[in-house]
Amino acid sequence: MIMSSELPPEEPPAAGRPDRRADARRNQERVFTAAVEVFAERGLEATVPEIAARAGVGKATVYRSYPAKADLAEAVARHRLAWLAERMAAAARQPDAFTALRDLLCDVSEQLSKDRLLVEVLPRARRWEEENDISGLTEKLIAAAQRQGTLRPDATAQDIRVLVGGYSRVLIALDVRDPAQWRRYATLSLNALRP
């Protein structure tokens, strides 16, 4: 399945004609890179004209690949969420579950400190979470930490979601962008779930 951020294989240009497909591909890559940057800075408030200006293209070039701003936001969100799924899978393979969970939350929090789009879409990404078994991976980490005696027996994935969501909202409202502060609150929140 080709996601909107992926392109079909390039075809060679016909003899005597400029390589328009390569130009279009470069433009689409510039648009996507610009969208990642602008959405990270401004979240869903970002506009197509801002993205087009950052990419150095016209609005029509953006709309050729992404008919609506929502299509572009979804492509960028899926790109960011793919990072999260990979990071969670790596955490689930670590032998020390509490350390893996703490490091995961610190990494996610650091990413949230610089990515407003991820902050906005993560709480509403239920379908994506189901597709990537995020709840299952989180439950495995929690269960392993509980078996190792490093996490309260009554701790749940919902507890972590509420704690992360809580400090995320406050730090966003305070416009705190220092990753160290975000990591600090991730660690404090997880420590609240120690036995």
C-alpha atoms as a PDB file:
ATOM      1  CA  MET A   1       0.000   0.000   0.000  1.00  0.00           C
ATOM      2  CA  ILE A   2       1.432   3.398  -0.949  1.00  0.00           C
ATOM      3  CA  MET A   3       0.943   6.006   1.756  1.00  0.00           C
ATOM      4  CA  SER A   4       0.521   9.599   0.668  1.00  0.00           C
ATOM      5  CA  SER A   5       4.101  10.347   1.755  1.00  0.00           C
ATOM      6  CA  GLU A   6       5.498   7.665  -0.541  1.00  0.00           C
ATOM      7  CA  LEU A   7       5.948   7.964  -4.268  1.00  0.00           C
ATOM      8  CA  PRO A   8       5.701   5.360  -7.035  1.00  0.00           C
ATOM      9  CA  PRO A   9       8.931   4.206  -8.706  1.00  0.00           C
ATOM     10  CA  GLU A  10      10.477   6.774 -11.021  1.00  0.00           C
ATOM     11  CA  GLU A  11      10.163   6.272 -14.769  1.00  0.00           C
ATOM     12  CA  PRO A  12      12.992   7.323 -17.098  1.00  0.00           C
ATOM     13  CA  PRO A  13      12.298  10.491 -19.134  1.00  0.00           C
ATOM     14  CA  ALA A  14      11.468  10.136 -22.799  1.00  0.00           C
ATOM     15  CA  ALA A  15      14.277  11.067 -25.192  1.00  0.00           C
ATOM     16  CA  GLY A  16      14.482  14.813 -25.781  1.00  0.00           C
ATOM     17  CA  ARG A  17      12.058  15.689 -22.945  1.00  0.00           C
ATOM     18  CA  PRO A  18      12.992  17.076 -19.562  1.00  0.00           C
ATOM     19  CA  ASP A  19      12.509  14.740 -16.621  1.00  0.00           C
ATOM     20  CA  ARG A  20       9.246  16.163 -15.264  1.00  0.00           C
ATOM     21  CA  ARG A  21       8.641  13.193 -12.994  1.00  0.00           C
ATOM     22  CA  ALA A  22      11.983  13.826 -11.232  1.00  0.00           C
ATOM     23  CA  ASP A  23      11.055  17.518 -10.802  1.00  0.00           C
ATOM     24  CA  ALA A  24       7.657  16.555  -9.425  1.00  0.00           C
ATOM     25  CA  ARG A  25       9.274  14.054  -7.081  1.00  0.00           C
ATOM     26  CA  ARG A  26      11.750  16.643  -5.813  1.00  0.00           C
ATOM     27  CA  ASN A  27       8.922  19.137  -5.295  1.00  0.00           C
ATOM     28  CA  GLN A  28       6.856  16.578  -3.403  1.00  0.00           C
ATOM     29  CA  GLU A  29       9.836  15.714  -1.203  1.00  0.00           C
ATOM     30  CA  ARG A  30      10.411  19.424  -0.510  1.00  0.00           C
ATOM     31  CA  VAL A  31       6.728  19.875   0.311  1.00  0.00           C
ATOM     32  CA  PHE A  32       6.745  16.912   2.677  1.00  0.00           C
ATOM     33  CA  THR A  33       9.959  18.036   4.406  1.00  0.00           C
ATOM     34  CA  ALA A  34       8.570  21.550   4.788  1.00  0.00           C
ATOM     35  CA  ALA A  35       5.285  20.185   6.108  1.00  0.00           C
ATOM     36  CA  VAL A  36       7.104  18.124   8.753  1.00  0.00           C
ATOM     37  CA  GLU A  37       8.925  21.267   9.907  1.00  0.00           C
ATOM     38  CA  VAL A  38       5.950  23.655   9.806  1.00  0.00           C
ATOM     39  CA  PHE A  39       3.497  21.236  11.438  1.00  0.00           C
ATOM     40  CA  ALA A  40       6.079  20.511  14.158  1.00  0.00           C
ATOM     41  CA  GLU A  41       6.388  24.234  14.859  1.00  0.00           C
ATOM     42  CA  ARG A  42       2.725  25.236  14.593  1.00  0.00           C
ATOM     43  CA  GLY A  43       0.639  22.086  14.839  1.00  0.00           C
ATOM     44  CA  LEU A  44      -2.647  22.040  12.963  1.00  0.00           C
ATOM     45  CA  GLU A  45      -2.650  25.846  12.850  1.00  0.00           C
ATOM     46  CA  ALA A  46      -0.059  25.606  10.069  1.00  0.00           C
ATOM     47  CA  THR A  47      -1.327  26.707   6.684  1.00  0.00           C
ATOM     48  CA  VAL A  48      -0.703  25.459   3.169  1.00  0.00           C
ATOM     49  CA  PRO A  49       0.744  28.849   2.132  1.00  0.00           C
ATOM     50  CA  GLU A  50       3.287  28.594   4.990  1.00  0.00           C
ATOM     51  CA  ILE A  51       4.249  25.083   3.916  1.00  0.00           C
ATOM     52  CA  ALA A  52       4.483  26.088   0.255  1.00  0.00           C
ATOM     53  CA  ALA A  53       6.682  29.082   1.140  1.00  0.00           C
ATOM     54  CA  ARG A  54       8.984  26.918   3.269  1.00  0.00           C
ATOM     55  CA  ALA A  55       9.240  24.393   0.410  1.00  0.00           C
ATOM     56  CA  GLY A  56       9.884  27.121  -2.148  1.00  0.00           C
ATOM     57  CA  VAL A  57       6.909  26.100  -4.299  1.00  0.00           C
ATOM     58  CA  GLY A  58       3.481  27.478  -5.099  1.00  0.00           C
ATOM     59  CA  LYS A  59       0.303  26.397  -3.291  1.00  0.00           C
ATOM     60  CA  ALA A  60      -0.835  24.555  -6.423  1.00  0.00           C
ATOM     61  CA  THR A  61       2.219  22.293  -6.163  1.00  0.00           C
ATOM     62  CA  VAL A  62       1.202  21.343  -2.619  1.00  0.00           C
ATOM     63  CA  TYR A  63      -2.413  20.711  -3.639  1.00  0.00           C
ATOM     64  CA  ARG A  64      -1.347  18.480  -6.556  1.00  0.00           C
ATOM     65  CA  SER A  65       0.020  15.936  -4.098  1.00  0.00           C
ATOM     66  CA  TYR A  66      -2.259  16.681  -1.152  1.00  0.00           C
ATOM     67  CA  PRO A  67      -5.736  17.897  -2.218  1.00  0.00           C
ATOM     68  CA  ALA A  68      -6.482  19.250   1.276  1.00  0.00           C
ATOM     69  CA  LYS A  69      -4.419  20.400   4.236  1.00  0.00           C
ATOM     70  CA  ALA A  70      -5.890  17.476   6.190  1.00  0.00           C
ATOM     71  CA  ASP A  71      -4.342  15.025   3.699  1.00  0.00           C
ATOM     72  CA  LEU A  72      -0.913  16.553   4.227  1.00  0.00           C
ATOM     73  CA  ALA A  73      -1.363  16.654   8.006  1.00  0.00           C
ATOM     74  CA  GLU A  74      -2.358  12.984   7.982  1.00  0.00           C
ATOM     75  CA  ALA A  75       0.697  12.020   5.907  1.00  0.00           C
ATOM     76  CA  VAL A  76       2.996  13.880   8.305  1.00  0.00           C
ATOM     77  CA  ALA A  77       1.213  12.450  11.354  1.00  0.00           C
ATOM     78  CA  ARG A  78       1.563   8.905  10.019  1.00  0.00           C
ATOM     79  CA  HIS A  79       5.261   9.555   9.443  1.00  0.00           C
ATOM     80  CA  ARG A  80       5.698  10.732  13.055  1.00  0.00           C
ATOM     81  CA  LEU A  81       3.562   7.923  14.449  1.00  0.00           C
ATOM     82  CA  ALA A  82       5.636   5.360  12.545  1.00  0.00           C
ATOM     83  CA  TRP A  83       8.635   6.591  14.555  1.00  0.00           C
ATOM     84  CA  LEU A  84       6.637   6.072  17.740  1.00  0.00           C
ATOM     85  CA  ALA A  85       5.638   2.518  16.771  1.00  0.00           C
ATOM     86  CA  GLU A  86       9.278   1.624  16.045  1.00  0.00           C
ATOM     87  CA  ARG A  87      10.397   3.162  19.331  1.00  0.00           C
ATOM     88  CA  MET A  88       7.760   1.249  21.288  1.00  0.00           C
ATOM     89  CA  ALA A  89       8.676  -2.044  19.628  1.00  0.00           C
ATOM     90  CA  ALA A  90      12.334  -1.460  20.583  1.00  0.00           C
ATOM     91  CA  ALA A  91      11.320  -0.736  24.188  1.00  0.00           C
ATOM     92  CA  ALA A  92       9.315  -3.964  24.352  1.00  0.00           C
ATOM     93  CA  ARG A  93      12.496  -5.944  23.528  1.00  0.00           C
ATOM     94  CA  GLN A  94      14.507  -4.546  26.458  1.00  0.00           C
ATOM     95  CA  PRO A  95      15.116  -6.856  29.449  1.00  0.00           C
ATOM     96  CA  ASP A  96      14.608  -4.180  32.159  1.00  0.00           C
ATOM     97  CA  ALA A  97      10.981  -3.218  31.614  1.00  0.00           C
ATOM     98  CA  PHE A  98      10.877  -0.210  33.956  1.00  0.00           C
ATOM     99  CA  THR A  99      14.001   1.315  32.423  1.00  0.00           C
ATOM    100  CA  ALA A 100      12.623   0.613  28.945  1.00  0.00           C
ATOM    101  CA  LEU A 101       9.312   2.272  29.854  1.00  0.00           C
ATOM    102  CA  ARG A 102      11.085   5.275  31.420  1.00  0.00           C
ATOM    103  CA  ASP A 103      13.402   5.719  28.434  1.00  0.00           C
ATOM    104  CA  LEU A 104      10.451   5.363  26.064  1.00  0.00           C
ATOM    105  CA  LEU A 105       8.427   8.021  27.890  1.00  0.00           C
ATOM    106  CA  CYS A 106      11.447  10.337  27.994  1.00  0.00           C
ATOM    107  CA  ASP A 107      12.047   9.898  24.245  1.00  0.00           C
ATOM    108  CA  VAL A 108       8.362  10.428  23.442  1.00  0.00           C
ATOM    109  CA  SER A 109       8.226  13.473  25.704  1.00  0.00           C
ATOM    110  CA  GLU A 110      11.324  14.940  24.087  1.00  0.00           C
ATOM    111  CA  GLN A 111       9.704  14.470  20.683  1.00  0.00           C
ATOM    112  CA  LEU A 112       6.497  16.077  21.940  1.00  0.00           C
ATOM    113  CA  SER A 113       8.501  19.089  23.138  1.00  0.00           C
ATOM    114  CA  LYS A 114       9.419  19.910  19.549  1.00  0.00           C
ATOM    115  CA  ASP A 115       6.504  18.512  17.557  1.00  0.00           C
ATOM    116  CA  ARG A 116       3.183  20.313  18.021  1.00  0.00           C
ATOM    117  CA  LEU A 117       1.439  18.118  15.442  1.00  0.00           C
ATOM    118  CA  LEU A 118       2.337  14.969  17.372  1.00  0.00           C
ATOM    119  CA  VAL A 119       1.020  16.582  20.570  1.00  0.00           C
ATOM    120  CA  GLU A 120      -2.279  17.315  18.840  1.00  0.00           C
ATOM    121  CA  VAL A 121      -2.799  14.022  17.020  1.00  0.00           C
ATOM    122  CA  LEU A 122      -1.472  11.512  19.556  1.00  0.00           C
ATOM    123  CA  PRO A 123      -4.473  11.675  21.921  1.00  0.00           C
ATOM    124  CA  ARG A 124      -6.836  11.113  18.970  1.00  0.00           C
ATOM    125  CA  ALA A 125      -4.848   8.425  17.163  1.00  0.00           C
ATOM    126  CA  ARG A 126      -6.971   5.481  18.357  1.00  0.00           C
ATOM    127  CA  ARG A 127      -7.267   3.786  14.956  1.00  0.00           C
ATOM    128  CA  TRP A 128      -3.523   4.074  14.391  1.00  0.00           C
ATOM    129  CA  GLU A 129      -2.866   2.678  17.885  1.00  0.00           C
ATOM    130  CA  GLU A 130      -5.018  -0.333  17.068  1.00  0.00           C
ATOM    131  CA  GLU A 131      -3.295  -0.869  13.715  1.00  0.00           C
ATOM    132  CA  ASN A 132       0.131  -0.821  15.397  1.00  0.00           C
ATOM    133  CA  ASP A 133      -0.886  -2.643  18.614  1.00  0.00           C
ATOM    134  CA  ILE A 134       0.324   0.268  20.735  1.00  0.00           C
ATOM    135  CA  SER A 135      -1.956  -0.711  23.610  1.00  0.00           C
ATOM    136  CA  GLY A 136      -0.663  -4.280  23.440  1.00  0.00           C
ATOM    137  CA  LEU A 137       2.971  -3.140  23.493  1.00  0.00           C
ATOM    138  CA  THR A 138       2.284  -0.787  26.405  1.00  0.00           C
ATOM    139  CA  GLU A 139       0.487  -3.526  28.345  1.00  0.00           C
ATOM    140  CA  LYS A 140       3.418  -5.909  27.749  1.00  0.00           C
ATOM    141  CA  LEU A 141       5.872  -3.351  29.126  1.00  0.00           C
ATOM    142  CA  ILE A 142       3.661  -2.663  32.127  1.00  0.00           C
ATOM    143  CA  ALA A 143       3.123  -6.373  32.849  1.00  0.00           C
ATOM    144  CA  ALA A 144       6.857  -7.071  32.586  1.00  0.00           C
ATOM    145  CA  ALA A 145       7.690  -4.190  34.959  1.00  0.00           C
ATOM    146  CA  GLN A 146       5.050  -5.450  37.377  1.00  0.00           C
ATOM    147  CA  ARG A 147       6.514  -8.976  37.269  1.00  0.00           C
ATOM    148  CA  GLN A 148       9.951  -7.474  37.913  1.00  0.00           C
ATOM    149  CA  GLY A 149       8.509  -5.619  40.918  1.00  0.00           C
ATOM    150  CA  THR A 150       9.351  -2.162  39.591  1.00  0.00           C
ATOM    151  CA  LEU A 151       5.822  -0.925  38.825  1.00  0.00           C
ATOM    152  CA  ARG A 152       2.704  -0.921  41.016  1.00  0.00           C
ATOM    153  CA  PRO A 153       0.494  -3.955  40.472  1.00  0.00           C
ATOM    154  CA  ASP A 154      -2.515  -1.739  39.754  1.00  0.00           C
ATOM    155  CA  ALA A 155      -0.761   0.495  37.151  1.00  0.00           C
ATOM    156  CA  THR A 156      -2.405   0.536  33.719  1.00  0.00           C
ATOM    157  CA  ALA A 157      -1.773   1.905  30.250  1.00  0.00           C
ATOM    158  CA  GLN A 158      -4.609   4.346  30.927  1.00  0.00           C
ATOM    159  CA  ASP A 159      -2.679   5.688  33.932  1.00  0.00           C
ATOM    160  CA  ILE A 160       0.312   6.420  31.715  1.00  0.00           C
ATOM    161  CA  ARG A 161      -1.883   7.987  29.039  1.00  0.00           C
ATOM    162  CA  VAL A 162      -3.507  10.301  31.603  1.00  0.00           C
ATOM    163  CA  LEU A 163      -0.190  11.279  33.197  1.00  0.00           C
ATOM    164  CA  VAL A 164       1.507  11.995  29.862  1.00  0.00           C
ATOM    165  CA  GLY A 165      -1.571  13.794  28.549  1.00  0.00           C
ATOM    166  CA  GLY A 166      -1.732  15.909  31.699  1.00  0.00           C
ATOM    167  CA  TYR A 167       1.815  17.181  31.732  1.00  0.00           C
ATOM    168  CA  SER A 168       1.774  17.572  27.945  1.00  0.00           C
ATOM    169  CA  ARG A 169      -1.220  19.898  28.068  1.00  0.00           C
ATOM    170  CA  VAL A 170       0.296  22.004  30.838  1.00  0.00           C
ATOM    171  CA  LEU A 171       3.716  22.257  29.187  1.00  0.00           C
ATOM    172  CA  ILE A 172       2.094  23.205  25.873  1.00  0.00           C
ATOM    173  CA  ALA A 173      -0.039  25.852  27.591  1.00  0.00           C
ATOM    174  CA  LEU A 174       3.101  27.241  29.246  1.00  0.00           C
ATOM    175  CA  ASP A 175       4.940  27.052  25.890  1.00  0.00           C
ATOM    176  CA  VAL A 176       7.737  24.990  27.456  1.00  0.00           C
ATOM    177  CA  ARG A 177       9.908  23.677  24.639  1.00  0.00           C
ATOM    178  CA  ASP A 178      12.967  22.624  26.612  1.00  0.00           C
ATOM    179  CA  PRO A 179      13.276  18.834  26.073  1.00  0.00           C
ATOM    180  CA  ALA A 180      14.933  18.431  29.478  1.00  0.00           C
ATOM    181  CA  GLN A 181      11.800  19.748  31.177  1.00  0.00           C
ATOM    182  CA  TRP A 182       9.616  17.348  29.229  1.00  0.00           C
ATOM    183  CA  ARG A 183      11.896  14.407  30.127  1.00  0.00           C
ATOM    184  CA  ARG A 184      11.806  15.492  33.773  1.00  0.00           C
ATOM    185  CA  TYR A 185       8.011  15.319  33.899  1.00  0.00           C
ATOM    186  CA  ALA A 186       8.020  11.969  32.115  1.00  0.00           C
ATOM    187  CA  THR A 187      10.329  10.556  34.791  1.00  0.00           C
ATOM    188  CA  LEU A 188       8.363  12.141  37.663  1.00  0.00           C
ATOM    189  CA  SER A 189       5.105  10.763  36.273  1.00  0.00           C
ATOM    190  CA  LEU A 190       6.422   7.261  35.861  1.00  0.00           C
ATOM    191  CA  ASN A 191       8.021   7.331  39.325  1.00  0.00           C
ATOM    192  CA  ALA A 192       4.532   7.983  40.725  1.00  0.00           C
ATOM    193  CA  LEU A 193       3.671   4.449  39.536  1.00  0.00           C
ATOM    194  CA  ARG A 194       6.526   2.745  41.394  1.00  0.00           C
ATOM    195  CA  PRO A 195       5.503   0.333  44.185  1.00  0.00           C
END
